[in-house]
Amino acid sequence: MLKKILLIVLLLPMSVYAAKKECAAKPSYDISISKESVHIYNKKDDLIILPNGNVILNQKSITPNRALQKKLIQFQKDFRIQLPKLEQQSLDLLLEIKTSFDQAIINQLSDDSELKSELNKLYKRLVKLLHTAIITEQGNTQFHFENFNNLKKEGQDIGERIFYNVVGGSILHFNFFKNMGAIKEISKNEWKAQKPKLKAFEANICSVITNFDQNYKQILTELNQSTITE
């Protein structure tokens, strides 16, 4: 029971992606965004979209028709806006929830420094984990689909490792049995308060990824059918 209570507190929801019902859309390509292009690629297809809507597909230049070119221009614009926005929203939510738990610890446990230290450690590890999936640096955004699809599992693994380190090495410092009631209350109240925003954010992530995935597959189909090359 004690382990379960602390684990719930420590498992800060990097699993904003970890709804009981998984999103049906699963990206199967990496994305690299720069001023020069939006590059979407995996072992099968390599698509470079230029700002003017021209493309290079599997190392072949293609001049799309006017309608498709217009679609491609909007498609790469959406990527440039939505992926960095998704990253920032994820970071903001992580910080918001971490801050909420911090305040609850202060209110309930008189600022338990050991427990807050572990919470801070978990938060930093989860931010680092997020950045293995999506990161923006100097105006360039990188998205790695395998890391993105594994965020839930990897986040849980990190939380469990930190938890067992706490139990194994610091159980006396935490005064667990003395504070168990307060820890349980923090767990119950904070997760109840965070659940609606997590649910809404998960739905937003699924919507964004689903929309990108559908548009990408449609565009790829149209490009493969195109016979107009430079």
Protein backbone atom coordinates (compact mmCIF):
# COMPACT_ATOMS: atom_id res chain seq x y z
CA MET A 1 0.00 0.00 0.00
CA LEU A 2 2.79 2.40 0.91
CA LYS A 3 4.64 1.76 -2.32
CA LYS A 4 1.47 2.27 -4.33
CA ILE A 5 0.73 5.61 -2.67
CA LEU A 6 4.18 7.06 -3.20
CA LEU A 7 4.38 5.73 -6.75
CA ILE A 8 1.16 7.55 -7.62
CA VAL A 9 2.57 10.79 -6.23
CA LEU A 10 5.90 10.41 -8.01
CA LEU A 11 4.51 9.35 -11.37
CA LEU A 12 4.07 12.89 -12.64
CA PRO A 13 2.09 12.55 -15.83
CA MET A 14 4.59 12.79 -18.60
CA SER A 15 2.02 10.25 -19.63
CA VAL A 16 -0.18 13.07 -20.81
CA TYR A 17 0.02 10.60 -23.65
CA ALA A 18 -0.98 7.72 -21.41
CA ALA A 19 -4.77 7.63 -21.58
CA LYS A 20 -6.44 4.32 -20.94
CA LYS A 21 -7.72 4.55 -24.51
CA GLU A 22 -4.75 4.93 -26.83
CA CYS A 23 -4.87 7.30 -29.79
CA ALA A 24 -5.41 5.30 -32.97
CA ALA A 25 -2.91 7.40 -34.94
CA LYS A 26 0.70 6.28 -34.51
CA PRO A 27 3.31 8.29 -36.44
CA SER A 28 5.70 6.14 -38.45
CA TYR A 29 8.10 8.81 -39.67
CA ASP A 30 10.58 11.33 -38.35
CA ILE A 31 10.22 15.04 -39.09
CA SER A 32 12.86 17.73 -39.39
CA ILE A 33 11.74 21.34 -39.74
CA SER A 34 14.03 24.17 -40.77
CA LYS A 35 13.63 27.47 -42.60
CA GLU A 36 14.58 25.71 -45.82
CA SER A 37 12.19 22.75 -45.71
CA VAL A 38 9.93 20.34 -43.88
CA HIS A 39 11.54 16.90 -44.13
CA ILE A 40 9.36 13.84 -43.40
CA TYR A 41 11.08 10.49 -43.70
CA ASN A 42 11.35 6.82 -42.74
CA LYS A 43 12.93 3.75 -44.34
CA LYS A 44 10.28 3.66 -47.06
CA ASP A 45 9.70 7.29 -48.04
CA ASP A 46 11.73 10.48 -47.95
CA LEU A 47 9.70 13.64 -48.54
CA ILE A 48 11.13 17.18 -48.56
CA ILE A 49 8.59 20.00 -48.85
CA LEU A 50 9.92 23.43 -49.78
CA PRO A 51 8.20 26.65 -48.65
CA ASN A 52 6.91 27.27 -52.17
CA GLY A 53 5.16 23.88 -52.27
CA ASN A 54 7.64 22.10 -54.53
CA VAL A 55 8.86 18.75 -53.29
CA ILE A 56 11.61 16.18 -53.50
CA LEU A 57 10.23 12.67 -53.05
CA ASN A 58 12.72 9.83 -52.70
CA GLN A 59 15.43 12.01 -54.24
CA LYS A 60 13.26 12.94 -57.25
CA SER A 61 12.07 16.51 -57.78
CA ILE A 62 8.36 16.82 -58.41
CA THR A 63 6.47 19.89 -59.55
CA PRO A 64 2.93 19.36 -58.25
CA ASN A 65 -0.14 20.73 -59.96
CA ARG A 66 -1.52 24.00 -58.65
CA ALA A 67 -4.11 22.45 -56.33
CA LEU A 68 -1.62 20.05 -54.77
CA GLN A 69 1.03 22.75 -54.49
CA LYS A 70 -1.43 24.92 -52.56
CA LYS A 71 -2.15 21.98 -50.27
CA LEU A 72 1.56 21.36 -49.71
CA ILE A 73 2.21 25.00 -48.84
CA GLN A 74 -0.48 24.89 -46.16
CA PHE A 75 0.64 21.45 -44.96
CA GLN A 76 4.22 22.55 -44.27
CA LYS A 77 2.96 25.78 -42.65
CA ASP A 78 0.83 23.74 -40.26
CA PHE A 79 3.82 21.59 -39.31
CA ARG A 80 5.91 24.69 -38.61
CA ILE A 81 3.26 26.04 -36.25
CA GLN A 82 1.76 22.96 -34.63
CA LEU A 83 4.82 20.84 -33.73
CA PRO A 84 6.68 23.54 -31.74
CA LYS A 85 3.34 24.50 -30.18
CA LEU A 86 2.74 20.89 -29.15
CA GLU A 87 6.18 20.75 -27.56
CA GLN A 88 5.63 23.97 -25.61
CA GLN A 89 2.16 22.91 -24.46
CA SER A 90 3.63 19.64 -23.17
CA LEU A 91 6.37 21.46 -21.26
CA ASP A 92 3.89 23.96 -19.83
CA LEU A 93 1.59 21.19 -18.63
CA LEU A 94 4.44 19.25 -17.02
CA LEU A 95 5.57 22.36 -15.15
CA GLU A 96 2.02 23.24 -14.12
CA ILE A 97 1.39 19.81 -12.64
CA LYS A 98 4.80 19.64 -10.99
CA THR A 99 4.18 23.07 -9.42
CA SER A 100 0.77 21.94 -8.21
CA PHE A 101 2.28 18.90 -6.49
CA ASP A 102 5.05 21.07 -5.03
CA GLN A 103 2.48 23.35 -3.45
CA ALA A 104 0.48 20.43 -2.12
CA ILE A 105 3.63 19.03 -0.47
CA ILE A 106 4.26 22.42 1.15
CA ASN A 107 0.66 22.64 2.38
CA GLN A 108 0.39 19.07 3.64
CA LEU A 109 3.93 18.16 4.71
CA SER A 110 5.51 21.50 5.66
CA ASP A 111 7.71 21.60 2.58
CA ASP A 112 9.15 18.05 2.74
CA SER A 113 12.51 18.68 1.07
CA GLU A 114 13.25 15.00 0.38
CA LEU A 115 9.97 14.34 -1.36
CA LYS A 116 10.22 17.59 -3.35
CA SER A 117 13.75 16.67 -4.36
CA GLU A 118 12.54 13.40 -5.85
CA LEU A 119 9.66 15.19 -7.57
CA ASN A 120 12.11 17.69 -9.09
CA LYS A 121 14.36 14.84 -10.22
CA LEU A 122 11.44 13.12 -11.89
CA TYR A 123 10.30 16.35 -13.55
CA LYS A 124 13.77 16.97 -15.06
CA ARG A 125 14.00 13.40 -16.30
CA LEU A 126 10.58 13.65 -17.94
CA VAL A 127 11.44 16.93 -19.65
CA LYS A 128 14.58 15.27 -20.99
CA LEU A 129 12.50 12.32 -22.14
CA LEU A 130 10.05 14.61 -23.95
CA HIS A 131 12.96 16.22 -25.76
CA THR A 132 14.06 12.88 -27.16
CA ALA A 133 10.73 12.85 -29.02
CA ILE A 134 10.29 16.50 -29.96
CA ILE A 135 12.64 19.43 -29.50
CA THR A 136 13.07 22.91 -30.96
CA GLU A 137 16.51 24.47 -30.99
CA GLN A 138 17.57 27.65 -32.80
CA GLY A 139 14.37 27.68 -34.80
CA ASN A 140 14.69 24.06 -35.98
CA THR A 141 12.31 21.35 -34.76
CA GLN A 142 13.07 17.63 -34.65
CA PHE A 143 10.41 14.94 -34.15
CA HIS A 144 11.32 11.27 -33.64
CA PHE A 145 8.33 9.00 -33.99
CA GLU A 146 9.67 5.93 -32.15
CA ASN A 147 10.51 7.98 -29.06
CA PHE A 148 7.15 9.78 -29.29
CA ASN A 149 5.22 6.51 -29.47
CA ASN A 150 7.17 5.15 -26.47
CA LEU A 151 6.73 8.18 -24.19
CA LYS A 152 4.15 6.46 -22.01
CA LYS A 153 6.21 3.36 -21.30
CA GLU A 154 9.51 5.21 -20.90
CA GLY A 155 7.93 7.76 -18.56
CA GLN A 156 6.52 5.02 -16.36
CA ASP A 157 9.87 3.21 -16.30
CA ILE A 158 11.66 6.38 -15.17
CA GLY A 159 9.11 6.95 -12.42
CA GLU A 160 9.43 3.39 -11.18
CA ARG A 161 13.24 3.51 -11.11
CA ILE A 162 13.23 6.73 -9.11
CA PHE A 163 10.59 5.32 -6.78
CA TYR A 164 12.55 2.18 -5.98
CA ASN A 165 15.69 4.25 -5.39
CA VAL A 166 13.70 6.31 -2.89
CA VAL A 167 12.30 3.28 -1.10
CA GLY A 168 15.62 1.46 -1.10
CA GLY A 169 17.84 4.30 0.06
CA SER A 170 15.83 6.97 1.81
CA ILE A 171 12.86 5.45 3.52
CA LEU A 172 13.81 6.77 6.98
CA HIS A 173 14.37 10.30 5.67
CA PHE A 174 10.90 10.47 4.22
CA ASN A 175 9.06 9.56 7.44
CA PHE A 176 6.72 7.58 5.22
CA PHE A 177 4.58 6.03 7.90
CA LYS A 178 4.17 9.31 9.74
CA ASN A 179 3.18 11.16 6.58
CA MET A 180 1.31 8.39 4.78
CA GLY A 181 -2.10 10.00 5.34
CA ALA A 182 -0.93 13.32 3.94
CA ILE A 183 0.73 11.66 0.95
CA LYS A 184 -2.46 9.76 0.21
CA GLU A 185 -4.48 12.97 0.37
CA ILE A 186 -2.07 14.74 -1.98
CA SER A 187 -2.31 11.86 -4.41
CA LYS A 188 -6.11 11.74 -4.38
CA ASN A 189 -6.79 15.46 -4.52
CA GLU A 190 -4.11 16.48 -7.00
CA TRP A 191 -4.82 13.76 -9.52
CA LYS A 192 -8.52 14.54 -9.30
CA ALA A 193 -7.78 18.21 -9.99
CA GLN A 194 -5.41 17.44 -12.90
CA LYS A 195 -7.50 14.77 -14.60
CA PRO A 196 -9.77 17.08 -16.70
CA LYS A 197 -6.89 19.08 -18.16
CA LEU A 198 -4.89 15.91 -18.86
CA LYS A 199 -7.86 14.35 -20.62
CA ALA A 200 -8.39 17.47 -22.73
CA PHE A 201 -4.70 17.67 -23.59
CA GLU A 202 -4.53 14.02 -24.62
CA ALA A 203 -7.52 14.60 -26.90
CA ASN A 204 -5.77 17.62 -28.43
CA ILE A 205 -2.56 15.67 -29.06
CA CYS A 206 -4.50 12.85 -30.69
CA SER A 207 -6.39 15.32 -32.89
CA VAL A 208 -3.20 17.06 -34.05
CA ILE A 209 -1.34 13.82 -34.77
CA THR A 210 -4.35 12.23 -36.51
CA ASN A 211 -4.82 15.28 -38.73
CA PHE A 212 -1.12 15.35 -39.69
CA ASP A 213 -1.04 11.62 -40.35
CA GLN A 214 -4.13 11.64 -42.58
CA ASN A 215 -2.96 14.65 -44.58
CA TYR A 216 0.54 13.22 -44.99
CA LYS A 217 -0.75 9.89 -46.31
CA GLN A 218 -3.11 11.62 -48.72
CA ILE A 219 -0.36 13.91 -50.00
CA LEU A 220 2.04 11.00 -50.39
CA THR A 221 -0.56 9.12 -52.43
CA GLU A 222 -1.13 12.10 -54.71
CA LEU A 223 2.59 12.68 -55.17
CA ASN A 224 3.22 9.05 -56.03
CA GLN A 225 0.51 9.29 -58.67
CA SER A 226 2.04 12.41 -60.17
CA THR A 227 3.96 12.00 -63.39
CA ILE A 228 5.11 15.61 -63.76
CA THR A 229 8.79 15.84 -62.88
CA GLU A 230 11.40 18.49 -63.31
